[in-house]
Amino acid sequence: MFVNKKRLLKVVWEFYVQELFNLMMIKNARYRYIAKCAHPGRSWRVHSLMLPDGRTFQILQPQHIETCARLQETPMPSSYWIAETLEADMRVDPKKRVRDMQKPMMKRFGLIRKYHIVIRARELIMEKIEGKHDVSYDKLSDYIEITITNPGNHAYINWDNTLLEDVACSSDVAISKPKFKILFISCKGCIDGFLKGCRLLIGLDGCHLKGSFGGVLVTIVSLDVENHCFPLAFRVVESQNNES
């Protein structure tokens, strides 16, 4: 008995991954799920139906799995399944590398998965933990408005409306969102701290952003009395060039 179809599918997927055989889905309807072993000549199958309560699923005529040739790599487990399986581990240590994610898969299920699929699974997990980049960019305007409400803070955001103008001239389709271009933020506390307790030395450094949209994060820093870096301002630009 399974509380819902999602729980049924999760258990079935974990079972065939653990046993390392390919699964062939025969029927996947709202009220019925049927799948069988894809190995030629094998008769094992799972047949489940929704009960009258409209939610619970029950497996009918359970069959003992036959001895199939165990695969070292099966194409069925997707990046979504891997992400759901390893999400709890990644929340404990979000800095895990791809090879570190492959170790528990091998230990729990004896499964070796292709590198690019594990990379995609890691991206899905990080989206759940940190959120999607496009959603964060949509909140930049609100963040700027909150920042400039504090007296002495300096912040602005620049949008590229060229794309909007080009599309408006070439077709009747309008784009509702402009393209993000530049962001600059400097807080009054950082400026006051620099003037009162830092050396009169300013440095400029930048690093490339590894998100979906790229760009460069440029920071302005100084040194305090203990030779520690003291941030003054930061700016997000498209690339490191004379204009930015």
Protein backbone atom coordinates (compact mmCIF):
# COMPACT_ATOMS: atom_id res chain seq x y z
CA MET A 1 0.00 0.00 0.00
CA PHE A 2 1.30 3.42 -0.94
CA VAL A 3 -0.12 6.74 0.23
CA ASN A 4 -0.01 8.17 -3.31
CA LYS A 5 1.34 7.51 -6.78
CA LYS A 6 4.44 9.63 -6.23
CA ARG A 7 5.48 7.39 -3.34
CA LEU A 8 4.81 4.28 -5.45
CA LEU A 9 7.02 5.51 -8.30
CA LYS A 10 9.81 6.42 -5.89
CA VAL A 11 9.85 2.94 -4.40
CA VAL A 12 9.74 1.26 -7.82
CA TRP A 13 12.60 3.39 -9.10
CA GLU A 14 14.73 2.68 -6.04
CA PHE A 15 14.02 -1.03 -6.40
CA TYR A 16 15.11 -1.41 -10.00
CA VAL A 17 18.12 0.86 -9.45
CA GLN A 18 19.16 -1.26 -6.48
CA GLU A 19 18.70 -4.45 -8.50
CA LEU A 20 20.35 -2.81 -11.55
CA PHE A 21 18.01 -3.89 -14.30
CA ASN A 22 16.22 -1.88 -16.97
CA LEU A 23 12.55 -1.09 -16.46
CA MET A 24 10.03 -0.74 -19.29
CA MET A 25 6.89 1.25 -18.57
CA ILE A 26 3.74 -0.21 -20.13
CA LYS A 27 1.03 2.08 -18.75
CA ASN A 28 1.23 5.22 -16.67
CA ALA A 29 -2.27 6.58 -16.14
CA ARG A 30 -3.80 8.54 -13.28
CA TYR A 31 -5.39 5.44 -11.79
CA ARG A 32 -3.04 2.66 -13.00
CA TYR A 33 0.70 1.99 -13.29
CA ILE A 34 2.21 -1.04 -15.06
CA ALA A 35 5.89 -1.70 -15.73
CA LYS A 36 8.03 -4.75 -16.42
CA CYS A 37 11.63 -5.86 -16.77
CA ALA A 38 12.99 -4.77 -20.16
CA HIS A 39 15.31 -7.78 -20.38
CA PRO A 40 14.15 -10.12 -23.19
CA GLY A 41 12.49 -13.27 -21.94
CA ARG A 42 11.84 -11.99 -18.40
CA SER A 43 8.26 -11.98 -17.17
CA TRP A 44 8.65 -9.89 -13.99
CA ARG A 45 6.25 -6.97 -13.83
CA VAL A 46 4.59 -4.63 -11.37
CA HIS A 47 0.89 -3.83 -11.70
CA SER A 48 -0.71 -1.26 -9.38
CA LEU A 49 -4.16 0.31 -9.17
CA MET A 50 -5.65 3.29 -7.39
CA LEU A 51 -8.02 2.33 -4.57
CA PRO A 52 -11.57 3.76 -4.25
CA ASP A 53 -10.35 6.56 -1.97
CA GLY A 54 -8.84 8.21 -5.08
CA ARG A 55 -5.36 8.53 -3.62
CA THR A 56 -3.89 5.27 -2.28
CA PHE A 57 -2.20 2.80 -4.63
CA GLN A 58 -1.89 -0.95 -4.20
CA ILE A 59 0.30 -3.43 -6.08
CA LEU A 60 -1.61 -6.38 -7.53
CA GLN A 61 -0.11 -9.83 -7.96
CA PRO A 62 3.42 -9.12 -6.72
CA GLN A 63 6.01 -11.28 -8.45
CA HIS A 64 9.40 -12.43 -7.28
CA ILE A 65 12.11 -10.82 -9.37
CA GLU A 66 13.98 -13.26 -11.54
CA THR A 67 17.72 -13.41 -11.77
CA CYS A 68 18.65 -10.86 -14.42
CA ALA A 69 22.07 -9.85 -15.53
CA ARG A 70 23.06 -6.93 -13.31
CA LEU A 71 24.12 -3.87 -15.21
CA GLN A 72 26.90 -1.62 -14.03
CA GLU A 73 25.31 1.37 -15.70
CA THR A 74 21.64 1.59 -16.52
CA PRO A 75 20.21 4.43 -18.63
CA MET A 76 16.99 4.69 -16.64
CA PRO A 77 17.86 6.64 -13.43
CA SER A 78 17.52 10.27 -14.44
CA SER A 79 19.16 13.36 -13.02
CA TYR A 80 15.85 14.19 -11.28
CA TRP A 81 15.90 10.88 -9.40
CA ILE A 82 19.54 11.34 -8.41
CA ALA A 83 18.78 14.89 -7.22
CA GLU A 84 15.90 13.69 -5.05
CA THR A 85 18.03 10.87 -3.62
CA LEU A 86 21.06 13.00 -2.75
CA GLU A 87 19.31 16.23 -1.78
CA ALA A 88 19.58 15.55 1.96
CA ASP A 89 23.33 14.89 1.70
CA MET A 90 23.88 18.05 -0.35
CA ARG A 91 22.03 20.18 2.19
CA VAL A 92 24.52 19.04 4.81
CA ASP A 93 27.50 19.78 2.55
CA PRO A 94 26.54 21.96 -0.46
CA LYS A 95 30.18 22.13 -1.61
CA LYS A 96 30.33 18.47 -2.57
CA ARG A 97 31.97 17.83 -5.91
CA VAL A 98 30.52 15.59 -8.59
CA ARG A 99 32.89 12.74 -7.77
CA ASP A 100 31.83 12.96 -4.12
CA MET A 101 28.22 12.61 -5.23
CA GLN A 102 29.03 9.48 -7.20
CA LYS A 103 30.45 7.69 -4.14
CA PRO A 104 27.15 7.35 -2.21
CA MET A 105 25.42 6.22 -5.42
CA MET A 106 27.96 3.44 -5.74
CA LYS A 107 27.77 2.58 -2.04
CA ARG A 108 23.95 2.50 -1.74
CA PHE A 109 22.93 1.14 -5.11
CA GLY A 110 26.15 -0.14 -6.70
CA LEU A 111 25.48 2.36 -9.48
CA ILE A 112 27.96 4.22 -11.65
CA ARG A 113 26.28 7.11 -13.46
CA LYS A 114 27.53 9.24 -16.32
CA TYR A 115 29.34 12.41 -15.31
CA HIS A 116 27.08 14.88 -17.14
CA ILE A 117 23.93 13.41 -15.56
CA VAL A 118 25.37 13.83 -12.06
CA ILE A 119 26.32 17.42 -12.94
CA ARG A 120 22.71 18.11 -13.95
CA ALA A 121 21.50 16.50 -10.70
CA ARG A 122 23.79 18.79 -8.72
CA GLU A 123 22.38 21.82 -10.54
CA LEU A 124 18.83 20.74 -9.68
CA ILE A 125 19.75 20.32 -6.01
CA MET A 126 21.44 23.71 -5.83
CA GLU A 127 18.37 25.32 -7.40
CA LYS A 128 16.28 23.92 -4.54
CA ILE A 129 18.79 25.05 -1.90
CA GLU A 130 19.79 28.46 -3.26
CA GLY A 131 16.95 29.20 -5.67
CA LYS A 132 17.03 29.85 -9.41
CA HIS A 133 19.18 32.60 -10.86
CA ASP A 134 16.40 34.08 -12.99
CA VAL A 135 14.15 34.42 -9.93
CA SER A 136 16.95 36.20 -8.05
CA TYR A 137 17.55 38.61 -10.93
CA ASP A 138 13.84 39.48 -10.95
CA LYS A 139 14.21 40.72 -7.35
CA LEU A 140 17.12 43.10 -8.04
CA SER A 141 14.90 46.16 -8.42
CA ASP A 142 13.26 45.53 -5.06
CA TYR A 143 16.65 44.96 -3.46
CA ILE A 144 17.94 48.29 -4.80
CA GLU A 145 14.89 50.12 -3.46
CA ILE A 146 15.44 48.64 0.00
CA THR A 147 19.15 49.52 -0.08
CA ILE A 148 18.72 53.18 -0.98
CA THR A 149 16.19 53.73 1.82
CA ASN A 150 19.13 53.84 4.24
CA PRO A 151 20.60 57.37 4.20
CA GLY A 152 24.09 57.54 2.73
CA ASN A 153 23.87 54.32 0.74
CA HIS A 154 24.62 54.43 -2.98
CA ALA A 155 23.03 51.90 -5.31
CA TYR A 156 21.79 51.77 -8.86
CA ILE A 157 20.88 49.23 -11.49
CA ASN A 158 21.10 49.58 -15.26
CA TRP A 159 18.90 47.71 -17.71
CA ASP A 160 19.59 47.22 -21.40
CA ASN A 161 16.42 48.22 -23.28
CA THR A 162 17.97 47.77 -26.72
CA LEU A 163 16.44 44.32 -27.03
CA LEU A 164 13.01 45.68 -26.22
CA GLU A 165 13.31 48.39 -28.87
CA ASP A 166 14.54 45.96 -31.55
CA VAL A 167 11.69 43.54 -30.95
CA ALA A 168 9.11 46.30 -30.85
CA CYS A 169 10.32 47.56 -34.23
CA SER A 170 10.48 44.14 -35.87
CA SER A 171 7.24 42.56 -34.61
CA ASP A 172 4.11 43.10 -32.60
CA VAL A 173 5.36 40.88 -29.77
CA ALA A 174 6.43 42.80 -26.68
CA ILE A 175 8.92 41.58 -24.11
CA SER A 176 7.82 42.33 -20.57
CA LYS A 177 11.27 42.22 -18.95
CA PRO A 178 14.38 44.20 -19.93
CA LYS A 179 17.86 42.67 -19.87
CA PHE A 180 19.99 43.19 -16.77
CA LYS A 181 23.28 44.96 -17.46
CA ILE A 182 24.98 46.61 -14.46
CA LEU A 183 24.54 46.68 -10.69
CA PHE A 184 26.41 48.90 -8.21
CA ILE A 185 26.06 49.00 -4.39
CA SER A 186 28.07 50.87 -1.76
CA CYS A 187 26.89 51.17 1.85
CA LYS A 188 27.45 54.23 4.04
CA GLY A 189 28.90 52.10 6.85
CA CYS A 190 31.64 50.84 4.55
CA ILE A 191 32.48 54.35 3.38
CA ASP A 192 32.63 55.71 6.94
CA GLY A 193 34.75 52.77 8.04
CA PHE A 194 37.21 53.44 5.23
CA LEU A 195 37.52 57.14 6.07
CA LYS A 196 37.95 56.57 9.81
CA GLY A 197 39.93 53.36 10.18
CA CYS A 198 41.54 52.20 6.94
CA ARG A 199 44.69 52.95 5.05
CA LEU A 200 44.36 55.36 2.16
CA LEU A 201 44.77 52.55 -0.31
CA ILE A 202 42.17 51.25 -2.71
CA GLY A 203 42.35 48.02 -4.68
CA LEU A 204 40.20 46.65 -7.47
CA ASP A 205 39.58 42.96 -8.11
CA GLY A 206 37.07 40.86 -9.96
CA CYS A 207 35.91 37.28 -10.37
CA HIS A 208 33.77 35.58 -12.98
CA LEU A 209 30.27 34.52 -11.92
CA LYS A 210 29.59 30.85 -12.58
CA GLY A 211 25.81 31.11 -12.73
CA SER A 212 23.57 30.64 -15.72
CA PHE A 213 23.93 34.24 -16.89
CA GLY A 214 27.66 34.78 -16.37
CA GLY A 215 29.10 38.23 -15.78
CA VAL A 216 31.88 39.56 -13.55
CA LEU A 217 31.72 40.65 -9.91
CA VAL A 218 34.08 43.61 -9.39
CA THR A 219 34.90 44.66 -5.83
CA ILE A 220 36.63 47.73 -4.40
CA VAL A 221 38.57 46.95 -1.23
CA SER A 222 40.98 48.61 1.15
CA LEU A 223 43.13 47.47 4.11
CA ASP A 224 42.26 48.09 7.75
CA VAL A 225 44.76 48.55 10.56
CA GLU A 226 45.22 44.76 10.85
CA ASN A 227 45.87 44.36 7.13
CA HIS A 228 42.53 42.69 6.54
CA CYS A 229 40.50 43.37 3.41
CA PHE A 230 37.80 45.98 3.96
CA PRO A 231 35.07 46.14 1.27
CA LEU A 232 33.94 49.52 0.00
CA ALA A 233 31.65 48.69 -2.90
CA PHE A 234 30.89 46.04 -5.46
CA ARG A 235 29.60 46.06 -8.99
CA VAL A 236 28.25 43.37 -11.33
CA VAL A 237 29.15 43.95 -14.99
CA GLU A 238 29.02 41.99 -18.21
CA SER A 239 32.80 41.69 -18.61
CA GLN A 240 36.07 43.26 -17.50
CA ASN A 241 36.73 46.12 -19.90
CA ASN A 242 37.51 49.83 -19.89
CA GLU A 243 33.86 50.80 -19.99
CA SER A 244 32.88 48.74 -16.93
